[in-house]
Amino acid sequence: METDATCMPDDIEAFVSPCEEHTELNNAETNQSDCKNILNPQSEYGENNITQEKSASVGPASTYVDPEAFKIGNVNIYAEDIGPKLYPVKGNVVTPPIITKKLPEAFNYLPIYGRPQSKADLEDFQNNKIREYVGCDFSDEDFDKLAKYCSPEHLKTGKELTLLTNVPAYGLLPKDMNKNKDGDILNIVKKFKLRVERDRRNLYVKKLKYRGMRLLPLSQEDPEDVQVSKGPQLEPGKDLLFRVRFYRPFLCGKERNNSRHSVFSCDAVMPGCGALAALRERVVCANDATVRLDVAAAPHHLPATTARDLFPSGFFFINNVFYVDERKGCIDYSEPIREWAKKRGLGDFPKKDMNSVRLDELVLKLGHPEVYVHQGNCEHLFTFSEVRLAGARDPLFCGQYPRHTAVLQHQTVYCTTCAEFGAKWVVVGCARVPFDPAFFCETCFKLYLYKDGQKIGDFKAYSYRGNEMNILKPLG
């Protein structure tokens, strides 16, 4: 069937006909570029996916790329959400179950493999990977022009504030950071200044930014500078990195909790080749550090052992699977819970040994609340917030993990007597103190509750090491 172009409306004819400006631009770009094929004919896609056509309207030789050449392998990284569940949590921040070991296969088409011999060669190494991925026979001059044309610097307006570091600094903000280059005409700026002026209770916060959290970027040390062997190296593009977010423990009861949300405590970055037991070793809890023994009679003779040594048992509950620590001296905390679930008709929950399960073997949901239980009933909530392929810029020694990238400032518990120093003792049942329990520093504890080395009155004293675990110390 033939169509007479003279019968077509002007607007349709203009839509069908190529724009002269675009034609001139295509001719100019075609003449400047030495690239004959968008994809390398020697690539895994083969020569049959690339054909060349001649067209007078486009240029002497145009390149046609078969869309099938860019087709990504059909790798299903999601698993069916089946099996027994204690708490079916749903929400926009919770993903379906992810089969993490399939992620390298799902992204094997990207130029993310390999690593340079030195961090100094990283930029050239990545540029060569991009040139290999593009597949064109670019000259150095043409590649530099393309890199400049595609640079994210074009997205800047020139009014951005320049930060001193890539991560928020811990300390006073520079005075010039208070200046807004856009002026005070923006409505959001007016509202923000009005809110800050009225907030007289947070005068200290106005001078500091991120004072409650310290961000620690992953180390950029060069493998050549590593003096001590830190185990095997990770392979960029093939090995996985997991980011785990731990939350601060809280008292839980039948009554309603007034807390609106969980409070972030710290995170940990783990390699996929690491066992779950290594993640457990990274969890820091004050209940593991001390033994709850009354040492009021001899406070200078503290127990040499810790609660972690006496009660080493614990388990992870991840995606409705119990991962139990089955090392010597541990008992199975999950057994009564699994028996209780069977009697209630909730299902038969599987159990595995956390020492024999690697992180990249997990099937997990990002954003789903998981729990770590130890010391009988001490629970720590955590979530998996990120799973990604390791890159050439990441620390690539397995011995460099696990490591923290964000740590929250914990509230320091001060002495209830002097309110000047951090508490080191917890006193219970003392008639001379109006608080029960009461916290004492080392000096007040010995001066107020002891005379000539003998305790005054009847009370119980326990060592408190909660403040020692607060790695973020006040300034000054």
Protein backbone atom coordinates (compact mmCIF):
# COMPACT_ATOMS: atom_id res chain seq x y z
CA MET A 1 0.00 0.00 0.00
CA GLU A 2 1.44 3.34 -1.10
CA THR A 3 0.92 6.66 0.59
CA ASP A 4 1.04 9.95 -1.20
CA ALA A 5 3.26 12.30 0.77
CA THR A 6 1.53 15.30 -0.80
CA CYS A 7 -1.70 14.35 0.97
CA MET A 8 -0.10 14.34 4.40
CA PRO A 9 -0.67 17.35 6.68
CA ASP A 10 2.23 19.69 7.24
CA ASP A 11 2.62 18.81 10.91
CA ILE A 12 2.79 15.05 10.17
CA GLU A 13 5.26 15.62 7.35
CA ALA A 14 7.42 17.69 9.68
CA PHE A 15 7.28 14.93 12.26
CA VAL A 16 8.30 12.21 9.79
CA SER A 17 11.03 14.18 8.07
CA PRO A 18 14.38 14.36 9.86
CA CYS A 19 15.33 17.67 11.36
CA GLU A 20 17.99 19.49 9.35
CA GLU A 21 19.73 20.65 12.50
CA HIS A 22 19.95 17.08 13.78
CA THR A 23 21.24 15.92 10.39
CA GLU A 24 24.03 18.50 10.42
CA LEU A 25 24.91 17.56 13.97
CA ASN A 26 25.04 13.87 13.12
CA ASN A 27 27.24 14.57 10.10
CA ALA A 28 29.63 16.63 12.21
CA GLU A 29 29.84 13.99 14.93
CA THR A 30 30.28 11.21 12.39
CA ASN A 31 33.14 13.01 10.68
CA GLN A 32 34.91 13.78 13.94
CA SER A 33 34.67 10.28 15.36
CA ASP A 34 36.87 7.46 14.15
CA CYS A 35 34.56 4.90 15.70
CA LYS A 36 33.20 2.59 13.02
CA ASN A 37 31.21 0.35 15.33
CA ILE A 38 29.55 1.19 18.60
CA LEU A 39 30.39 -2.26 19.87
CA ASN A 40 33.70 -4.01 19.39
CA PRO A 41 33.28 -6.71 16.71
CA GLN A 42 35.57 -8.94 18.74
CA SER A 43 33.33 -8.73 21.80
CA GLU A 44 31.18 -11.52 23.13
CA TYR A 45 28.16 -10.24 21.22
CA GLY A 46 29.70 -11.20 17.85
CA GLU A 47 29.69 -9.49 14.46
CA ASN A 48 26.17 -10.52 13.49
CA ASN A 49 24.64 -8.02 15.89
CA ILE A 50 26.22 -5.06 14.11
CA THR A 51 25.27 -3.91 10.63
CA GLN A 52 26.21 -0.83 8.70
CA GLU A 53 23.87 1.03 6.42
CA LYS A 54 24.53 3.86 4.05
CA SER A 55 22.20 6.78 4.05
CA ALA A 56 22.59 10.11 2.33
CA SER A 57 20.59 11.88 5.05
CA VAL A 58 22.80 10.72 7.90
CA GLY A 59 26.26 10.48 6.45
CA PRO A 60 28.54 8.27 4.42
CA ALA A 61 28.26 5.39 6.90
CA SER A 62 25.97 5.11 9.92
CA THR A 63 26.05 2.45 12.58
CA TYR A 64 23.09 0.33 13.52
CA VAL A 65 23.22 -1.64 16.75
CA ASP A 66 20.90 -4.55 17.35
CA PRO A 67 19.05 -3.90 20.64
CA GLU A 68 19.46 -7.59 21.45
CA ALA A 69 23.18 -6.95 21.86
CA PHE A 70 22.48 -5.03 25.07
CA LYS A 71 20.11 -7.61 26.47
CA ILE A 72 21.07 -8.48 30.01
CA GLY A 73 21.09 -12.10 31.06
CA ASN A 74 17.84 -13.20 32.63
CA VAL A 75 19.07 -13.89 36.16
CA ASN A 76 16.39 -13.98 38.83
CA ILE A 77 17.94 -12.77 42.06
CA TYR A 78 14.71 -12.98 44.07
CA ALA A 79 13.41 -16.04 45.89
CA GLU A 80 9.88 -16.98 46.83
CA ASP A 81 8.82 -15.77 50.25
CA ILE A 82 7.72 -19.12 51.63
CA GLY A 83 8.12 -20.97 54.90
CA PRO A 84 7.08 -20.24 58.49
CA LYS A 85 7.16 -16.67 59.77
CA LEU A 86 7.11 -15.25 63.26
CA TYR A 87 6.52 -11.63 62.31
CA PRO A 88 5.60 -10.98 58.65
CA VAL A 89 6.98 -7.45 58.31
CA LYS A 90 5.97 -5.58 55.17
CA GLY A 91 6.69 -2.08 53.96
CA ASN A 92 8.18 0.08 51.25
CA VAL A 93 11.67 -0.27 52.72
CA VAL A 94 11.63 -4.08 52.84
CA THR A 95 12.68 -5.92 49.70
CA PRO A 96 11.66 -9.42 48.60
CA PRO A 97 14.05 -12.24 49.56
CA ILE A 98 17.32 -11.80 47.66
CA ILE A 99 19.58 -14.68 46.65
CA THR A 100 22.82 -12.82 47.23
CA LYS A 101 25.12 -15.38 45.59
CA LYS A 102 23.46 -14.63 42.23
CA LEU A 103 24.42 -10.95 42.24
CA PRO A 104 27.83 -11.41 40.53
CA GLU A 105 26.14 -13.36 37.74
CA ALA A 106 23.41 -10.75 37.36
CA PHE A 107 25.93 -7.91 36.85
CA ASN A 108 28.67 -9.76 34.98
CA TYR A 109 28.13 -7.56 31.89
CA LEU A 110 29.49 -4.45 33.65
CA PRO A 111 33.17 -3.40 33.45
CA ILE A 112 33.82 -3.82 37.15
CA TYR A 113 36.25 -6.71 37.23
CA GLY A 114 39.91 -6.60 38.11
CA ARG A 115 42.06 -4.22 40.10
CA PRO A 116 45.27 -2.27 39.45
CA GLN A 117 48.57 -3.09 41.07
CA SER A 118 48.56 0.24 42.91
CA LYS A 119 45.93 2.75 43.99
CA ALA A 120 47.86 5.38 42.05
CA ASP A 121 46.92 3.60 38.82
CA LEU A 122 43.24 3.32 39.72
CA GLU A 123 41.99 6.19 37.56
CA ASP A 124 43.80 4.97 34.43
CA PHE A 125 42.65 1.42 35.14
CA GLN A 126 38.99 2.44 35.35
CA ASN A 127 39.24 4.61 32.23
CA ASN A 128 40.59 1.65 30.29
CA LYS A 129 37.72 -0.47 31.57
CA ILE A 130 35.21 2.11 30.34
CA ARG A 131 36.88 2.29 26.93
CA GLU A 132 36.77 -1.49 26.71
CA TYR A 133 33.09 -1.49 27.69
CA VAL A 134 32.15 1.18 25.13
CA GLY A 135 33.95 -0.85 22.49
CA CYS A 136 34.81 2.03 20.14
CA ASP A 137 38.28 2.55 18.75
CA PHE A 138 38.63 5.96 20.36
CA SER A 139 41.79 7.96 20.25
CA ASP A 140 43.00 9.49 23.48
CA GLU A 141 41.83 12.91 22.36
CA ASP A 142 38.35 11.70 21.45
CA PHE A 143 38.02 9.77 24.69
CA ASP A 144 39.01 12.83 26.71
CA LYS A 145 36.38 14.86 24.85
CA LEU A 146 33.74 12.23 25.55
CA ALA A 147 34.70 12.08 29.23
CA LYS A 148 34.50 15.85 29.48
CA TYR A 149 31.16 15.92 27.69
CA CYS A 150 29.67 13.27 30.03
CA SER A 151 31.22 14.70 33.20
CA PRO A 152 28.84 15.21 36.16
CA GLU A 153 30.40 18.66 36.55
CA HIS A 154 27.81 19.86 34.02
CA LEU A 155 25.10 19.24 36.62
CA LYS A 156 26.53 21.88 38.95
CA THR A 157 25.13 25.38 39.05
CA GLY A 158 28.21 27.07 40.50
CA LYS A 159 26.41 27.96 43.73
CA GLU A 160 27.14 24.76 45.65
CA LEU A 161 28.79 24.95 49.05
CA THR A 162 32.27 23.45 49.06
CA LEU A 163 32.84 20.94 51.86
CA LEU A 164 36.24 20.24 53.34
CA THR A 165 35.76 16.46 53.37
CA ASN A 166 33.67 13.89 51.55
CA VAL A 167 31.97 12.88 54.80
CA PRO A 168 30.45 15.13 57.49
CA ALA A 169 33.16 16.38 59.82
CA TYR A 170 33.06 16.03 63.59
CA GLY A 171 33.62 19.46 65.06
CA LEU A 172 32.80 23.12 64.62
CA LEU A 173 31.42 24.27 61.31
CA PRO A 174 33.47 26.88 59.43
CA LYS A 175 32.03 30.38 59.65
CA ASP A 176 31.81 30.73 55.88
CA MET A 177 29.50 27.69 55.72
CA ASN A 178 26.66 29.80 57.09
CA LYS A 179 26.59 31.91 53.94
CA ASN A 180 24.02 30.95 51.35
CA LYS A 181 25.05 31.88 47.83
CA ASP A 182 21.43 31.92 46.71
CA GLY A 183 20.62 34.70 49.16
CA ASP A 184 17.70 34.92 51.56
CA ILE A 185 14.93 35.18 48.99
CA LEU A 186 14.09 31.47 48.97
CA ASN A 187 11.08 30.60 51.09
CA ILE A 188 12.71 27.45 52.46
CA VAL A 189 15.71 29.51 53.62
CA LYS A 190 13.44 31.93 55.45
CA LYS A 191 11.60 29.12 57.22
CA PHE A 192 14.82 27.39 58.17
CA LYS A 193 16.32 30.56 59.68
CA LEU A 194 13.11 31.23 61.57
CA ARG A 195 13.13 27.73 63.01
CA VAL A 196 16.77 27.98 64.07
CA GLU A 197 16.22 31.33 65.78
CA ARG A 198 13.32 29.95 67.81
CA ASP A 199 15.15 26.78 68.79
CA ARG A 200 16.92 28.09 71.87
CA ARG A 201 17.24 24.66 73.42
CA ASN A 202 19.73 23.47 70.79
CA LEU A 203 22.29 26.26 70.85
CA TYR A 204 25.12 23.74 71.05
CA VAL A 205 23.76 21.84 68.08
CA LYS A 206 23.81 25.03 66.00
CA LYS A 207 27.60 25.10 66.18
CA LEU A 208 28.14 21.41 65.46
CA LYS A 209 27.07 19.11 62.70
CA TYR A 210 26.70 15.36 63.11
CA ARG A 211 28.03 15.70 66.65
CA GLY A 212 26.29 12.50 67.67
CA MET A 213 27.66 10.36 64.85
CA ARG A 214 31.09 9.80 63.43
CA LEU A 215 31.35 8.63 59.84
CA LEU A 216 34.40 6.55 58.99
CA PRO A 217 34.88 6.03 55.25
CA LEU A 218 36.40 2.80 54.04
CA SER A 219 40.20 2.92 54.07
CA GLN A 220 41.95 3.79 50.83
CA GLU A 221 45.28 2.29 51.80
CA ASP A 222 47.33 0.84 48.99
CA PRO A 223 47.90 -2.94 49.08
CA GLU A 224 51.61 -2.24 48.55
CA ASP A 225 51.67 -0.29 51.81
CA VAL A 226 50.17 -3.13 53.86
CA GLN A 227 53.00 -4.55 55.93
CA VAL A 228 51.08 -7.36 57.63
CA SER A 229 49.37 -10.15 55.76
CA LYS A 230 45.63 -9.65 56.00
CA GLY A 231 44.38 -12.81 54.37
CA PRO A 232 43.27 -13.41 50.80
CA GLN A 233 42.17 -10.57 48.56
CA LEU A 234 38.68 -9.87 47.32
CA GLU A 235 38.01 -9.89 43.60
CA PRO A 236 36.22 -6.73 42.40
CA GLY A 237 33.05 -7.57 40.53
CA LYS A 238 32.85 -11.07 41.98
CA ASP A 239 32.98 -10.79 45.77
CA LEU A 240 30.19 -9.15 47.76
CA LEU A 241 30.16 -6.56 50.54
CA PHE A 242 27.35 -6.45 53.10
CA ARG A 243 26.43 -3.45 55.23
CA VAL A 244 24.70 -4.25 58.52
CA ARG A 245 23.04 -1.59 60.70
CA PHE A 246 22.75 -2.29 64.43
CA TYR A 247 20.28 -0.45 66.65
CA ARG A 248 20.48 0.51 70.29
CA PRO A 249 18.85 -1.99 72.69
CA PHE A 250 15.80 -0.84 74.62
CA LEU A 251 13.55 -2.08 77.39
CA CYS A 252 10.57 -3.96 76.06
CA GLY A 253 7.40 -4.93 77.90
CA LYS A 254 3.73 -5.55 77.38
CA GLU A 255 2.93 -1.88 77.85
CA ARG A 256 3.19 0.46 74.89
CA ASN A 257 6.65 1.76 74.09
CA ASN A 258 6.86 5.54 73.69
CA SER A 259 9.81 5.37 71.29
CA ARG A 260 8.80 6.32 67.76
CA HIS A 261 11.53 4.38 66.04
CA SER A 262 14.68 2.41 66.72
CA VAL A 263 17.85 4.38 67.45
CA PHE A 264 20.84 3.67 65.24
CA SER A 265 23.94 2.47 67.09
CA CYS A 266 26.59 1.51 64.51
CA ASP A 267 27.07 -0.30 61.25
CA ALA A 268 29.49 -2.94 60.05
CA VAL A 269 30.77 -3.77 56.57
CA MET A 270 31.37 -7.47 56.03
CA PRO A 271 32.74 -9.42 53.04
CA GLY A 272 30.57 -12.13 51.57
CA CYS A 273 33.30 -14.70 52.18
CA GLY A 274 33.09 -14.12 55.95
CA ALA A 275 31.11 -16.37 58.25
CA LEU A 276 28.21 -15.17 60.36
CA ALA A 277 30.30 -15.91 63.44
CA ALA A 278 32.64 -13.07 62.43
CA LEU A 279 29.68 -10.70 62.43
CA ARG A 280 28.78 -11.80 65.93
CA GLU A 281 32.29 -11.00 67.15
CA ARG A 282 31.74 -7.42 65.98
CA VAL A 283 28.68 -6.84 68.17
CA VAL A 284 29.66 -4.82 71.25
CA CYS A 285 27.44 -5.07 74.33
CA ALA A 286 28.03 -3.99 77.92
CA ASN A 287 26.43 -7.21 79.15
CA ASP A 288 29.31 -9.17 77.62
CA ALA A 289 32.03 -7.06 79.22
CA THR A 290 31.26 -7.54 82.91
CA VAL A 291 30.11 -10.25 85.29
CA ARG A 292 27.19 -9.27 87.51
CA LEU A 293 28.88 -10.18 90.80
CA ASP A 294 28.66 -8.18 94.01
CA VAL A 295 32.18 -6.92 94.75
CA ALA A 296 31.28 -4.44 97.50
CA ALA A 297 33.37 -6.35 100.06
CA ALA A 298 36.52 -6.19 97.92
CA PRO A 299 36.12 -3.67 95.07
CA HIS A 300 39.83 -3.86 94.24
CA HIS A 301 39.51 -7.55 93.32
CA LEU A 302 37.42 -7.60 90.18
CA PRO A 303 36.68 -10.88 88.37
CA ALA A 304 39.22 -11.65 85.68
CA THR A 305 36.67 -13.30 83.43
CA THR A 306 33.73 -11.75 81.57
CA ALA A 307 30.15 -12.76 80.97
CA ARG A 308 31.04 -13.51 77.34
CA ASP A 309 33.52 -16.14 78.54
CA LEU A 310 31.07 -17.70 80.97
CA PHE A 311 28.00 -17.61 78.72
CA PRO A 312 29.17 -17.71 75.09
CA SER A 313 25.87 -18.87 73.58
CA GLY A 314 23.91 -16.83 71.07
CA PHE A 315 22.08 -16.92 67.76
CA PHE A 316 20.99 -14.80 64.80
CA PHE A 317 17.42 -14.87 63.53
CA ILE A 318 17.64 -13.83 59.87
CA ASN A 319 14.77 -14.17 57.41
CA ASN A 320 12.98 -16.67 59.70
CA VAL A 321 16.04 -18.93 60.00
CA PHE A 322 17.93 -19.53 63.27
CA TYR A 323 21.72 -19.35 62.91
CA VAL A 324 23.03 -20.79 66.18
CA ASP A 325 26.56 -20.58 67.53
CA GLU A 326 27.53 -24.24 67.99
CA ARG A 327 31.09 -23.72 69.15
CA LYS A 328 32.40 -25.47 72.24
CA GLY A 329 30.64 -24.38 75.41
CA CYS A 330 27.56 -22.98 73.63
CA ILE A 331 24.01 -24.18 74.07
CA ASP A 332 21.11 -23.80 71.66
CA TYR A 333 19.01 -20.83 72.78
CA SER A 334 16.66 -21.34 69.83
CA GLU A 335 15.47 -24.82 70.81
CA PRO A 336 12.72 -23.73 73.24
CA ILE A 337 11.60 -21.05 70.77
CA ARG A 338 11.32 -23.55 67.92
CA GLU A 339 9.44 -25.99 70.15
CA TRP A 340 7.09 -23.20 71.20
CA ALA A 341 6.47 -22.32 67.54
CA LYS A 342 5.60 -25.93 66.72
CA LYS A 343 3.06 -26.13 69.55
CA ARG A 344 1.48 -22.85 68.45
CA GLY A 345 1.19 -24.06 64.86
CA LEU A 346 3.55 -21.40 63.48
CA GLY A 347 5.67 -23.96 61.64
CA ASP A 348 9.01 -25.72 61.86
CA PHE A 349 11.73 -23.06 61.72
CA PRO A 350 15.06 -24.23 60.26
CA LYS A 351 18.29 -24.08 62.24
CA LYS A 352 21.86 -23.74 60.92
CA ASP A 353 25.34 -23.30 62.37
CA MET A 354 26.52 -19.70 62.06
CA ASN A 355 30.15 -20.85 61.86
CA SER A 356 29.57 -22.80 58.63
CA VAL A 357 27.34 -20.26 56.84
CA ARG A 358 28.90 -17.48 54.79
CA LEU A 359 27.16 -14.17 54.27
CA ASP A 360 26.98 -14.62 50.50
CA GLU A 361 25.03 -17.84 51.09
CA LEU A 362 22.21 -16.00 52.85
CA VAL A 363 18.77 -15.36 51.41
CA LEU A 364 17.79 -12.09 53.05
CA LYS A 365 15.51 -9.08 52.82
CA LEU A 366 17.06 -5.63 52.79
CA GLY A 367 15.46 -3.40 55.40
CA HIS A 368 13.84 -6.29 57.26
CA PRO A 369 14.40 -6.23 61.06
CA GLU A 370 16.50 -9.16 62.25
CA VAL A 371 17.60 -10.01 65.79
CA TYR A 372 20.74 -11.15 67.59
CA VAL A 373 20.19 -12.84 70.98
CA HIS A 374 22.86 -13.53 73.61
CA GLN A 375 23.24 -13.66 77.39
CA GLY A 376 19.90 -15.45 77.65
CA ASN A 377 17.53 -12.64 76.74
CA CYS A 378 19.65 -9.69 75.58
CA GLU A 379 18.39 -8.81 72.11
CA HIS A 380 19.91 -6.54 69.45
CA LEU A 381 17.92 -5.47 66.41
CA PHE A 382 19.76 -5.09 63.12
CA THR A 383 19.04 -4.87 59.41
CA PHE A 384 20.92 -5.55 56.20
CA SER A 385 20.85 -2.18 54.47
CA GLU A 386 23.13 -2.83 51.48
CA VAL A 387 24.53 -5.68 49.42
CA ARG A 388 26.86 -4.75 46.58
CA LEU A 389 29.77 -5.99 44.54
CA ALA A 390 33.21 -5.04 45.77
CA GLY A 391 34.95 -2.37 43.71
CA ALA A 392 38.56 -1.54 43.02
CA ARG A 393 38.37 1.42 45.43
CA ASP A 394 37.33 -0.75 48.39
CA PRO A 395 39.78 -2.38 50.82
CA LEU A 396 40.42 -5.74 49.18
CA PHE A 397 42.01 -7.73 51.99
CA CYS A 398 39.63 -10.02 53.85
CA GLY A 399 41.56 -9.32 57.05
CA GLN A 400 40.51 -5.66 56.86
CA TYR A 401 36.92 -6.65 57.60
CA PRO A 402 34.60 -6.33 59.42
CA ARG A 403 34.91 -2.57 59.88
CA HIS A 404 32.65 0.29 60.93
CA THR A 405 31.72 3.22 58.70
CA ALA A 406 29.31 4.97 61.11
CA VAL A 407 29.25 4.97 64.92
CA LEU A 408 26.73 6.81 67.09
CA GLN A 409 27.62 8.71 70.23
CA HIS A 410 26.23 6.89 73.27
CA GLN A 411 25.02 8.91 76.21
CA THR A 412 27.65 9.07 78.93
CA VAL A 413 26.42 8.06 82.39
CA TYR A 414 27.85 10.46 84.96
CA CYS A 415 28.39 10.07 88.67
CA THR A 416 25.23 10.91 90.65
CA THR A 417 27.32 12.49 93.42
CA CYS A 418 29.72 14.85 91.67
CA ALA A 419 28.19 14.85 88.18
CA GLU A 420 31.67 15.54 86.80
CA PHE A 421 33.14 12.17 85.89
CA GLY A 422 31.82 9.11 84.16
CA ALA A 423 30.37 6.34 86.28
CA LYS A 424 32.37 3.19 86.96
CA TRP A 425 30.23 1.61 89.67
CA VAL A 426 26.56 0.74 90.12
CA VAL A 427 25.37 0.68 93.75
CA VAL A 428 22.14 -1.05 94.77
CA GLY A 429 20.34 -1.09 98.15
CA CYS A 430 22.34 1.66 99.84
CA ALA A 431 20.50 3.63 102.55
CA ARG A 432 22.94 6.56 102.25
CA VAL A 433 21.99 7.25 98.64
CA PRO A 434 18.58 8.64 97.59
CA PHE A 435 18.76 6.81 94.24
CA ASP A 436 18.47 3.11 93.61
CA PRO A 437 20.38 2.13 91.61
CA ALA A 438 23.01 4.87 91.90
CA PHE A 439 26.06 5.46 89.70
CA PHE A 440 29.42 6.43 91.19
CA CYS A 441 32.76 7.44 89.76
CA GLU A 442 35.90 5.86 91.20
CA THR A 443 36.70 8.74 93.57
CA CYS A 444 33.21 9.27 95.00
CA PHE A 445 32.68 5.55 95.36
CA LYS A 446 35.68 5.10 97.65
CA LEU A 447 35.37 8.39 99.56
CA TYR A 448 31.65 8.24 100.30
CA LEU A 449 30.96 4.53 100.74
CA TYR A 450 34.22 3.36 102.32
CA LYS A 451 36.31 4.29 105.35
CA ASP A 452 39.75 2.83 105.88
CA GLY A 453 39.02 0.29 103.17
CA GLN A 454 35.83 -0.98 104.85
CA LYS A 455 32.40 -0.31 103.39
CA ILE A 456 29.92 1.81 105.31
CA GLY A 457 26.49 0.28 105.65
CA ASP A 458 24.93 -2.51 103.66
CA PHE A 459 24.85 -2.28 99.87
CA LYS A 460 25.81 -4.13 96.72
CA ALA A 461 28.29 -2.82 94.19
CA TYR A 462 28.80 -3.88 90.58
CA SER A 463 31.41 -2.81 88.10
CA TYR A 464 30.06 -0.65 85.26
CA ARG A 465 31.91 -0.48 81.95
CA GLY A 466 29.28 1.08 79.74
CA ASN A 467 31.16 4.37 79.44
CA GLU A 468 34.37 2.61 78.39
CA MET A 469 32.64 1.33 75.26
CA ASN A 470 31.72 4.82 74.13
CA ILE A 471 34.46 5.33 71.55
CA LEU A 472 33.38 8.91 70.77
CA LYS A 473 34.79 11.08 73.52
CA PRO A 474 33.73 14.69 74.20
CA LEU A 475 35.82 17.39 72.61
CA GLY A 476 38.61 18.94 74.63
